[in-house]
N, C-alpha and C. Protein backbone atom coordinates (compact mmCIF):
# COMPACT_ATOMS: atom_id res chain seq x y z
N MET A 1 158.76 102.46 83.35
CA MET A 1 157.45 103.01 83.18
C MET A 1 156.90 103.53 84.51
N ARG A 2 157.07 102.70 85.54
CA ARG A 2 156.60 103.09 86.85
C ARG A 2 157.31 104.36 87.32
N LYS A 3 158.62 104.47 87.03
CA LYS A 3 159.39 105.63 87.42
C LYS A 3 158.89 106.89 86.72
N SER A 4 158.54 106.81 85.43
CA SER A 4 158.04 107.98 84.70
C SER A 4 156.66 108.39 85.18
N ILE A 5 155.81 107.46 85.57
CA ILE A 5 154.49 107.80 86.12
C ILE A 5 154.66 108.52 87.44
N LEU A 6 155.58 108.06 88.29
CA LEU A 6 155.84 108.72 89.56
C LEU A 6 156.40 110.12 89.34
N THR A 7 157.25 110.29 88.35
CA THR A 7 157.82 111.60 88.05
C THR A 7 156.74 112.57 87.61
N VAL A 8 155.85 112.16 86.73
CA VAL A 8 154.74 113.00 86.27
C VAL A 8 153.83 113.33 87.44
N ALA A 9 153.53 112.36 88.28
CA ALA A 9 152.67 112.58 89.44
C ALA A 9 153.32 113.55 90.41
N SER A 10 154.63 113.44 90.60
CA SER A 10 155.36 114.33 91.51
C SER A 10 155.35 115.77 90.98
N VAL A 11 155.59 115.94 89.69
CA VAL A 11 155.56 117.28 89.09
C VAL A 11 154.17 117.88 89.21
N ALA A 12 153.15 117.10 88.95
CA ALA A 12 151.76 117.58 89.07
C ALA A 12 151.46 117.98 90.51
N ALA A 13 151.91 117.20 91.47
CA ALA A 13 151.65 117.51 92.88
C ALA A 13 152.35 118.80 93.28
N LEU A 14 153.56 119.04 92.77
CA LEU A 14 154.27 120.27 93.08
C LEU A 14 153.63 121.48 92.41
N ALA A 15 153.05 121.30 91.24
CA ALA A 15 152.47 122.41 90.48
C ALA A 15 151.12 122.84 91.02
N MET A 16 150.38 121.96 91.67
CA MET A 16 149.03 122.28 92.14
C MET A 16 148.98 123.51 93.05
N PRO A 17 149.85 123.64 94.06
CA PRO A 17 149.78 124.83 94.90
C PRO A 17 150.05 126.12 94.11
N LEU A 18 150.85 126.06 93.07
CA LEU A 18 151.14 127.26 92.27
C LEU A 18 149.91 127.77 91.54
N LEU A 19 149.00 126.88 91.18
CA LEU A 19 147.78 127.30 90.49
C LEU A 19 146.94 128.22 91.36
N ALA A 20 147.01 128.05 92.67
CA ALA A 20 146.23 128.90 93.57
C ALA A 20 146.72 130.34 93.52
N PHE A 21 147.96 130.57 93.09
CA PHE A 21 148.51 131.92 93.05
C PHE A 21 148.50 132.53 91.67
N THR A 22 147.95 131.85 90.69
CA THR A 22 147.88 132.36 89.33
C THR A 22 146.71 133.33 89.23
N PRO A 23 146.93 134.59 88.80
CA PRO A 23 145.82 135.54 88.71
C PRO A 23 144.81 135.11 87.66
N THR A 24 143.55 135.37 87.95
CA THR A 24 142.47 135.08 87.01
C THR A 24 142.09 136.36 86.29
N ALA A 25 141.27 136.25 85.27
CA ALA A 25 140.82 137.43 84.52
C ALA A 25 140.09 138.39 85.45
N GLY A 26 139.30 137.88 86.39
CA GLY A 26 138.58 138.73 87.33
C GLY A 26 139.52 139.49 88.24
N ALA A 27 140.62 138.87 88.65
CA ALA A 27 141.59 139.53 89.52
C ALA A 27 142.27 140.67 88.77
N ALA A 28 142.55 140.48 87.50
CA ALA A 28 143.19 141.54 86.72
C ALA A 28 142.26 142.74 86.59
N ALA A 29 140.97 142.52 86.46
CA ALA A 29 140.01 143.61 86.31
C ALA A 29 139.91 144.44 87.59
N ALA A 30 140.20 143.86 88.76
CA ALA A 30 140.09 144.56 90.03
C ALA A 30 141.40 145.22 90.43
N ALA A 31 142.33 145.39 89.52
CA ALA A 31 143.65 145.92 89.84
C ALA A 31 143.65 147.43 90.07
N THR A 32 142.57 148.12 89.81
CA THR A 32 142.49 149.55 90.06
C THR A 32 141.25 149.84 90.89
N PRO A 33 141.29 150.90 91.69
CA PRO A 33 140.18 151.16 92.61
C PRO A 33 139.03 151.98 92.04
N THR A 34 137.89 151.78 92.66
CA THR A 34 136.73 152.66 92.53
C THR A 34 136.34 153.03 93.96
N CYS A 35 136.21 154.33 94.23
CA CYS A 35 135.86 154.80 95.57
C CYS A 35 134.47 155.42 95.50
N LYS A 36 133.52 154.85 96.24
CA LYS A 36 132.12 155.27 96.15
C LYS A 36 131.83 156.57 96.88
N THR A 37 132.65 156.93 97.86
CA THR A 37 132.39 158.12 98.65
C THR A 37 133.57 159.08 98.54
N VAL A 38 133.27 160.31 98.13
CA VAL A 38 134.29 161.36 98.04
C VAL A 38 133.66 162.65 98.58
N ALA A 39 134.39 163.33 99.46
CA ALA A 39 133.90 164.60 100.01
C ALA A 39 135.09 165.48 100.36
N GLY A 40 134.88 166.79 100.28
CA GLY A 40 135.96 167.70 100.62
C GLY A 40 135.54 169.14 100.46
N SER A 41 136.54 170.01 100.39
CA SER A 41 136.27 171.44 100.22
C SER A 41 137.34 172.05 99.33
N ALA A 42 137.02 173.21 98.79
CA ALA A 42 137.94 173.93 97.92
C ALA A 42 137.87 175.41 98.24
N THR A 43 139.01 176.06 98.26
CA THR A 43 139.05 177.50 98.51
C THR A 43 139.52 178.22 97.25
N PHE A 44 139.03 179.44 97.07
CA PHE A 44 139.38 180.29 95.94
C PHE A 44 140.22 181.45 96.46
N SER A 45 141.40 181.66 95.89
CA SER A 45 142.26 182.75 96.32
C SER A 45 142.84 183.44 95.09
N PRO A 46 142.53 184.70 94.84
CA PRO A 46 141.56 185.49 95.59
C PRO A 46 140.14 184.99 95.34
N ALA A 47 139.24 185.40 96.23
CA ALA A 47 137.84 185.02 96.10
C ALA A 47 137.26 185.58 94.81
N LEU A 48 136.29 184.83 94.23
CA LEU A 48 135.64 185.30 93.00
C LEU A 48 134.63 186.40 93.34
N PRO A 49 134.69 187.55 92.64
CA PRO A 49 133.71 188.62 92.89
C PRO A 49 132.28 188.13 92.66
N PRO A 50 131.32 188.65 93.45
CA PRO A 50 129.93 188.17 93.37
C PRO A 50 129.22 188.56 92.07
N LEU A 51 128.05 187.95 91.88
CA LEU A 51 127.21 188.27 90.73
C LEU A 51 126.94 189.77 90.68
N GLY A 52 126.95 190.33 89.50
CA GLY A 52 126.70 191.75 89.33
C GLY A 52 127.96 192.60 89.40
N ASN A 53 129.05 192.04 89.89
CA ASN A 53 130.32 192.74 89.96
C ASN A 53 131.12 192.35 88.72
N THR A 54 131.52 193.35 87.92
CA THR A 54 132.21 193.05 86.67
C THR A 54 133.71 192.81 86.83
N THR A 55 134.23 192.99 88.04
CA THR A 55 135.64 192.72 88.30
C THR A 55 135.91 191.24 88.10
N THR A 56 137.04 190.92 87.45
CA THR A 56 137.43 189.52 87.27
C THR A 56 138.81 189.31 87.89
N VAL A 57 139.05 188.07 88.35
CA VAL A 57 140.33 187.72 88.97
C VAL A 57 140.79 186.37 88.44
N LYS A 58 142.10 186.15 88.44
CA LYS A 58 142.66 184.83 88.12
C LYS A 58 142.89 184.12 89.45
N SER A 59 141.93 183.33 89.83
CA SER A 59 141.95 182.68 91.13
C SER A 59 142.70 181.34 91.08
N THR A 60 143.21 180.93 92.22
CA THR A 60 143.77 179.60 92.40
C THR A 60 142.82 178.82 93.30
N VAL A 61 142.46 177.62 92.87
CA VAL A 61 141.56 176.76 93.65
C VAL A 61 142.43 175.70 94.33
N THR A 62 142.35 175.65 95.66
CA THR A 62 143.07 174.64 96.43
C THR A 62 142.03 173.71 97.04
N ALA A 63 142.10 172.43 96.66
CA ALA A 63 141.09 171.46 97.08
C ALA A 63 141.72 170.38 97.95
N THR A 64 140.99 169.96 98.98
CA THR A 64 141.40 168.82 99.81
C THR A 64 140.15 167.97 100.04
N GLY A 65 140.36 166.67 100.18
CA GLY A 65 139.21 165.80 100.41
C GLY A 65 139.63 164.41 100.82
N LYS A 66 138.63 163.55 100.94
CA LYS A 66 138.85 162.17 101.33
C LYS A 66 137.99 161.28 100.44
N ALA A 67 138.61 160.21 99.96
CA ALA A 67 137.90 159.17 99.21
C ALA A 67 137.83 157.94 100.13
N SER A 68 136.67 157.31 100.19
CA SER A 68 136.52 156.12 101.03
C SER A 68 135.59 155.13 100.34
N SER A 69 135.37 154.00 101.01
CA SER A 69 134.58 152.91 100.43
C SER A 69 135.18 152.49 99.09
N CYS A 70 136.52 152.38 99.06
CA CYS A 70 137.23 152.00 97.83
C CYS A 70 137.35 150.48 97.75
N THR A 71 137.15 149.95 96.55
CA THR A 71 137.36 148.53 96.29
C THR A 71 138.26 148.39 95.08
N GLY A 72 139.11 147.37 95.09
CA GLY A 72 140.03 147.13 93.98
C GLY A 72 141.35 147.81 94.21
N GLY A 73 142.37 147.27 93.63
CA GLY A 73 143.69 147.87 93.70
C GLY A 73 144.39 147.76 95.04
N GLY A 74 143.79 147.04 96.00
CA GLY A 74 144.42 146.85 97.30
C GLY A 74 144.35 148.05 98.21
N VAL A 75 143.48 149.03 97.91
CA VAL A 75 143.34 150.22 98.76
C VAL A 75 141.88 150.35 99.21
N THR A 76 141.68 151.06 100.33
CA THR A 76 140.31 151.26 100.83
C THR A 76 139.94 152.72 100.99
N SER A 77 140.96 153.62 101.04
CA SER A 77 140.67 155.04 101.20
C SER A 77 141.90 155.86 100.80
N ALA A 78 141.67 157.17 100.65
CA ALA A 78 142.78 158.08 100.32
C ALA A 78 142.42 159.48 100.76
N THR A 79 143.45 160.27 101.06
CA THR A 79 143.27 161.70 101.18
C THR A 79 143.71 162.28 99.85
N MET A 80 143.09 163.38 99.45
CA MET A 80 143.36 163.99 98.15
C MET A 80 143.70 165.46 98.33
N SER A 81 144.58 165.96 97.48
CA SER A 81 144.84 167.40 97.47
C SER A 81 145.16 167.81 96.03
N GLY A 82 144.72 169.01 95.69
CA GLY A 82 144.96 169.52 94.35
C GLY A 82 145.01 171.03 94.35
N LYS A 83 145.68 171.58 93.35
CA LYS A 83 145.78 173.03 93.22
C LYS A 83 145.62 173.39 91.75
N PHE A 84 144.62 174.19 91.44
CA PHE A 84 144.28 174.55 90.07
C PHE A 84 144.31 176.06 89.91
N LYS A 85 144.92 176.53 88.84
CA LYS A 85 145.02 177.96 88.56
C LYS A 85 144.15 178.30 87.35
N PHE A 86 143.27 179.29 87.51
CA PHE A 86 142.47 179.75 86.39
C PHE A 86 143.37 180.32 85.31
N ALA A 87 143.16 179.91 84.07
CA ALA A 87 143.94 180.43 82.95
C ALA A 87 143.44 181.80 82.53
N LYS A 88 142.14 182.01 82.69
CA LYS A 88 141.59 183.33 82.37
C LYS A 88 140.81 183.85 83.56
N ALA A 89 140.80 185.17 83.67
CA ALA A 89 140.15 185.81 84.80
C ALA A 89 138.64 185.56 84.77
N GLY A 90 138.05 185.45 85.95
CA GLY A 90 136.61 185.20 86.04
C GLY A 90 136.03 185.76 87.32
N ASN A 91 134.73 185.52 87.47
CA ASN A 91 134.00 185.93 88.67
C ASN A 91 132.81 184.98 88.82
N CYS A 92 131.90 185.27 89.75
CA CYS A 92 130.76 184.38 89.95
C CYS A 92 129.86 184.30 88.72
N THR A 93 129.81 185.38 87.94
CA THR A 93 129.00 185.36 86.72
C THR A 93 129.57 184.36 85.72
N THR A 94 130.88 184.40 85.48
CA THR A 94 131.48 183.45 84.53
C THR A 94 131.38 182.02 85.06
N LEU A 95 131.46 181.86 86.38
CA LEU A 95 131.31 180.53 86.97
C LEU A 95 129.89 180.01 86.74
N ALA A 96 128.89 180.86 87.00
CA ALA A 96 127.48 180.45 86.83
C ALA A 96 127.16 180.16 85.36
N GLN A 97 127.79 180.89 84.44
CA GLN A 97 127.54 180.69 83.01
C GLN A 97 128.37 179.55 82.43
N GLY A 98 129.35 179.08 83.20
CA GLY A 98 130.21 178.00 82.71
C GLY A 98 131.15 178.43 81.61
N THR A 99 131.51 179.72 81.59
CA THR A 99 132.34 180.24 80.51
C THR A 99 133.80 180.43 80.92
N GLY A 100 134.16 179.96 82.11
CA GLY A 100 135.53 180.15 82.60
C GLY A 100 136.53 179.22 81.95
N GLY A 101 136.06 178.13 81.36
CA GLY A 101 136.96 177.17 80.74
C GLY A 101 137.56 176.21 81.75
N ALA A 102 138.26 175.21 81.24
CA ALA A 102 138.90 174.22 82.09
C ALA A 102 140.14 174.81 82.74
N ILE A 103 140.45 174.31 83.93
CA ILE A 103 141.68 174.71 84.60
C ILE A 103 142.46 173.44 84.93
N THR A 104 143.77 173.55 85.02
CA THR A 104 144.59 172.37 85.27
C THR A 104 145.50 172.60 86.47
N GLY A 105 145.95 171.48 87.05
CA GLY A 105 146.87 171.55 88.16
C GLY A 105 147.18 170.16 88.69
N PRO A 106 148.16 170.07 89.57
CA PRO A 106 148.54 168.78 90.12
C PRO A 106 147.55 168.28 91.18
N VAL A 107 147.38 166.96 91.22
CA VAL A 107 146.54 166.32 92.23
C VAL A 107 147.32 165.14 92.81
N THR A 108 147.26 164.97 94.12
CA THR A 108 147.94 163.86 94.78
C THR A 108 146.94 163.08 95.63
N PHE A 109 147.01 161.76 95.53
CA PHE A 109 146.22 160.85 96.37
C PHE A 109 147.20 160.16 97.31
N LYS A 110 146.93 160.20 98.62
CA LYS A 110 147.72 159.45 99.59
C LYS A 110 146.83 158.32 100.08
N TRP A 111 147.15 157.09 99.65
CA TRP A 111 146.32 155.92 99.92
C TRP A 111 146.53 155.40 101.33
N ASN A 112 145.55 154.68 101.85
CA ASN A 112 145.63 154.11 103.19
C ASN A 112 146.81 153.15 103.35
N THR A 113 147.36 152.68 102.26
CA THR A 113 148.49 151.75 102.30
C THR A 113 149.83 152.46 102.48
N GLY A 114 149.82 153.80 102.48
CA GLY A 114 151.04 154.57 102.60
C GLY A 114 151.65 154.95 101.27
N THR A 115 151.05 154.50 100.17
CA THR A 115 151.55 154.84 98.84
C THR A 115 150.84 156.08 98.32
N THR A 116 151.38 156.68 97.26
CA THR A 116 150.77 157.86 96.66
C THR A 116 150.60 157.68 95.16
N SER A 117 149.68 158.44 94.62
CA SER A 117 149.48 158.56 93.17
C SER A 117 149.46 160.05 92.86
N THR A 118 150.19 160.45 91.82
CA THR A 118 150.26 161.87 91.46
C THR A 118 149.83 162.07 90.02
N ILE A 119 148.99 163.07 89.82
CA ILE A 119 148.61 163.50 88.47
C ILE A 119 149.29 164.85 88.27
N GLY A 120 150.17 164.93 87.30
CA GLY A 120 150.91 166.16 87.08
C GLY A 120 150.05 167.33 86.61
N ALA A 121 149.06 167.05 85.78
CA ALA A 121 148.20 168.11 85.23
C ALA A 121 146.77 167.59 85.09
N ALA A 122 146.06 167.51 86.20
CA ALA A 122 144.65 167.12 86.17
C ALA A 122 143.83 168.26 85.58
N LYS A 123 142.73 167.91 84.94
CA LYS A 123 141.85 168.91 84.31
C LYS A 123 140.56 169.00 85.12
N LEU A 124 140.23 170.20 85.57
CA LEU A 124 138.99 170.49 86.28
C LEU A 124 138.10 171.25 85.31
N GLN A 125 136.92 170.69 85.01
CA GLN A 125 136.04 171.25 83.99
C GLN A 125 134.60 171.22 84.47
N GLN A 126 133.90 172.35 84.34
CA GLN A 126 132.48 172.37 84.67
C GLN A 126 131.71 171.46 83.73
N VAL A 127 130.65 170.83 84.26
CA VAL A 127 129.78 170.00 83.44
C VAL A 127 128.86 170.94 82.66
N SER A 128 128.78 170.75 81.36
CA SER A 128 127.95 171.60 80.51
C SER A 128 126.50 171.56 80.98
N GLY A 129 125.93 172.75 81.17
CA GLY A 129 124.53 172.84 81.57
C GLY A 129 124.29 172.69 83.07
N ASN A 130 125.37 172.53 83.88
CA ASN A 130 125.19 172.39 85.32
C ASN A 130 126.30 173.17 86.03
N ALA A 131 125.96 174.37 86.49
CA ALA A 131 126.95 175.24 87.11
C ALA A 131 127.49 174.68 88.42
N PHE A 132 126.83 173.69 89.00
CA PHE A 132 127.24 173.15 90.30
C PHE A 132 127.87 171.77 90.21
N GLN A 133 128.30 171.36 89.02
CA GLN A 133 129.01 170.09 88.86
C GLN A 133 130.27 170.30 88.04
N SER A 134 131.29 169.54 88.42
CA SER A 134 132.56 169.58 87.69
C SER A 134 133.12 168.17 87.58
N THR A 135 133.97 167.97 86.58
CA THR A 135 134.70 166.71 86.46
C THR A 135 136.18 167.00 86.69
N VAL A 136 136.86 166.02 87.26
CA VAL A 136 138.30 166.08 87.44
C VAL A 136 138.85 164.82 86.79
N THR A 137 139.71 164.99 85.78
CA THR A 137 140.28 163.84 85.09
C THR A 137 141.77 164.07 84.87
N GLY A 138 142.50 162.98 84.77
CA GLY A 138 143.91 163.10 84.47
C GLY A 138 144.63 161.77 84.53
N LYS A 139 145.75 161.71 83.86
CA LYS A 139 146.58 160.50 83.83
C LYS A 139 147.55 160.54 85.00
N ILE A 140 147.64 159.44 85.73
CA ILE A 140 148.56 159.35 86.86
C ILE A 140 149.98 159.25 86.30
N THR A 141 150.81 160.21 86.69
CA THR A 141 152.15 160.32 86.13
C THR A 141 153.25 159.79 87.06
N ALA A 142 152.91 159.51 88.31
CA ALA A 142 153.91 158.99 89.25
C ALA A 142 153.22 158.21 90.36
N GLY A 143 153.91 157.19 90.87
CA GLY A 143 153.43 156.44 92.02
C GLY A 143 152.52 155.28 91.66
N THR A 144 151.73 154.88 92.63
CA THR A 144 150.81 153.77 92.47
C THR A 144 149.81 154.07 91.36
N PHE A 145 149.51 153.10 90.53
CA PHE A 145 148.58 153.19 89.40
C PHE A 145 149.10 154.10 88.28
N MET A 146 150.42 154.31 88.23
CA MET A 146 151.02 155.14 87.18
C MET A 146 150.59 154.64 85.79
N GLY A 147 150.23 155.59 84.94
CA GLY A 147 149.79 155.27 83.58
C GLY A 147 148.28 155.10 83.47
N LYS A 148 147.59 154.94 84.59
CA LYS A 148 146.13 154.80 84.59
C LYS A 148 145.50 156.20 84.62
N THR A 149 144.21 156.27 84.29
CA THR A 149 143.49 157.55 84.26
C THR A 149 142.48 157.63 85.39
N GLU A 150 142.51 158.74 86.10
CA GLU A 150 141.58 159.02 87.19
C GLU A 150 140.41 159.81 86.64
N SER A 151 139.21 159.52 87.15
CA SER A 151 138.01 160.25 86.74
C SER A 151 137.10 160.42 87.94
N LEU A 152 136.58 161.63 88.10
CA LEU A 152 135.70 161.95 89.23
C LEU A 152 134.76 163.06 88.81
N LYS A 153 133.49 162.91 89.13
CA LYS A 153 132.52 163.99 88.94
C LYS A 153 132.01 164.39 90.32
N VAL A 154 131.97 165.69 90.59
CA VAL A 154 131.52 166.19 91.89
C VAL A 154 130.43 167.23 91.73
N THR A 155 129.61 167.33 92.77
CA THR A 155 128.64 168.41 92.93
C THR A 155 129.18 169.30 94.03
N PHE A 156 129.16 170.60 93.81
CA PHE A 156 129.65 171.47 94.87
C PHE A 156 128.55 172.39 95.39
N ALA A 157 128.70 172.81 96.65
CA ALA A 157 127.71 173.66 97.32
C ALA A 157 128.41 174.91 97.86
N LEU A 158 127.72 176.02 97.76
CA LEU A 158 128.22 177.30 98.27
C LEU A 158 127.62 177.55 99.64
N THR A 159 128.31 178.32 100.47
CA THR A 159 127.72 178.71 101.74
C THR A 159 126.79 179.90 101.49
N THR A 160 125.90 180.14 102.41
CA THR A 160 124.89 181.18 102.27
C THR A 160 125.51 182.54 101.93
N GLY A 161 125.01 183.15 100.88
CA GLY A 161 125.43 184.48 100.49
C GLY A 161 126.60 184.54 99.54
N GLU A 162 127.40 183.46 99.48
CA GLU A 162 128.56 183.51 98.58
C GLU A 162 128.08 183.49 97.13
N CYS A 163 128.66 184.36 96.36
CA CYS A 163 128.33 184.62 94.96
C CYS A 163 127.13 185.53 94.79
N SER A 164 126.15 185.47 95.68
CA SER A 164 125.00 186.36 95.51
C SER A 164 125.25 187.72 96.15
N SER A 165 125.71 187.74 97.40
CA SER A 165 125.93 189.03 98.06
C SER A 165 127.37 189.24 98.52
N LYS A 166 128.18 188.19 98.44
CA LYS A 166 129.59 188.34 98.83
C LYS A 166 130.45 187.46 97.92
N PRO A 167 131.75 187.73 97.88
CA PRO A 167 132.64 186.95 97.01
C PRO A 167 132.65 185.46 97.39
N LEU A 168 132.95 184.63 96.40
CA LEU A 168 133.03 183.18 96.62
C LEU A 168 134.45 182.82 97.04
N SER A 169 134.57 182.33 98.29
CA SER A 169 135.89 181.97 98.79
C SER A 169 136.03 180.49 99.08
N LYS A 170 134.89 179.77 99.26
CA LYS A 170 134.98 178.36 99.61
C LYS A 170 133.73 177.61 99.16
N VAL A 171 133.92 176.38 98.70
CA VAL A 171 132.82 175.47 98.39
C VAL A 171 133.12 174.12 99.04
N THR A 172 132.07 173.34 99.25
CA THR A 172 132.24 171.95 99.64
C THR A 172 131.82 171.10 98.45
N PHE A 173 132.34 169.86 98.38
CA PHE A 173 131.97 169.00 97.26
C PHE A 173 131.77 167.57 97.71
N THR A 174 130.92 166.86 96.96
CA THR A 174 130.68 165.42 97.14
C THR A 174 130.63 164.78 95.76
N GLN A 175 130.87 163.48 95.74
CA GLN A 175 130.93 162.76 94.48
C GLN A 175 129.55 162.60 93.86
N VAL A 176 129.55 162.41 92.54
CA VAL A 176 128.39 161.98 91.79
C VAL A 176 128.73 160.54 91.35
N ALA A 177 127.77 159.63 91.43
CA ALA A 177 128.02 158.22 91.10
C ALA A 177 128.68 158.11 89.73
N PRO A 178 129.63 157.24 89.55
CA PRO A 178 130.03 156.14 90.43
C PRO A 178 131.09 156.52 91.45
N GLY A 179 131.50 157.78 91.55
CA GLY A 179 132.56 158.18 92.47
C GLY A 179 133.89 158.28 91.75
N LEU A 180 134.96 158.12 92.49
CA LEU A 180 136.31 158.18 91.96
C LEU A 180 136.67 156.86 91.32
N THR A 181 137.08 156.88 90.04
CA THR A 181 137.50 155.66 89.38
C THR A 181 138.90 155.87 88.81
N ILE A 182 139.67 154.79 88.82
CA ILE A 182 140.99 154.78 88.20
C ILE A 182 141.01 153.57 87.29
N LYS A 183 141.26 153.82 86.01
CA LYS A 183 141.26 152.73 85.01
C LYS A 183 142.46 152.84 84.11
């Protein structure tokens, strides 16, 4: 009897340290990041013709940026890059009216940990009723967080004169709360 009590006590003593490494429900929920700060710029090539010009072009948007203040998923920041091709020709008028439609393209996140996440076909879509906001969403198809979905809403700003008196070639963007999320 004494031997069996010692055996149970020994097994319990060995198991106690393992409990400290068992994930909790809260730890599982924090397995993907949310980044509160996102900023960057995007270029249009060719530039979109200004308001009043009926010429339309199929532009490619090349975006680069940085996500920071990230929590969850073991990362704290990332650099981002994406390239989106307009499916239909447009100009500043179609952009202002929100009639250009969604565009898709690859997006890559390079995390501060040295790992990457790639979205093969992210969707860039203007927010209905707001010509200066867009959403970027897509399923991560390779790398860290594969199978999870990225979501980001941004507000973009034009430089003086672009779209009104000269073609739109570049915008800057910042996040709209809650920022970049991966779920």
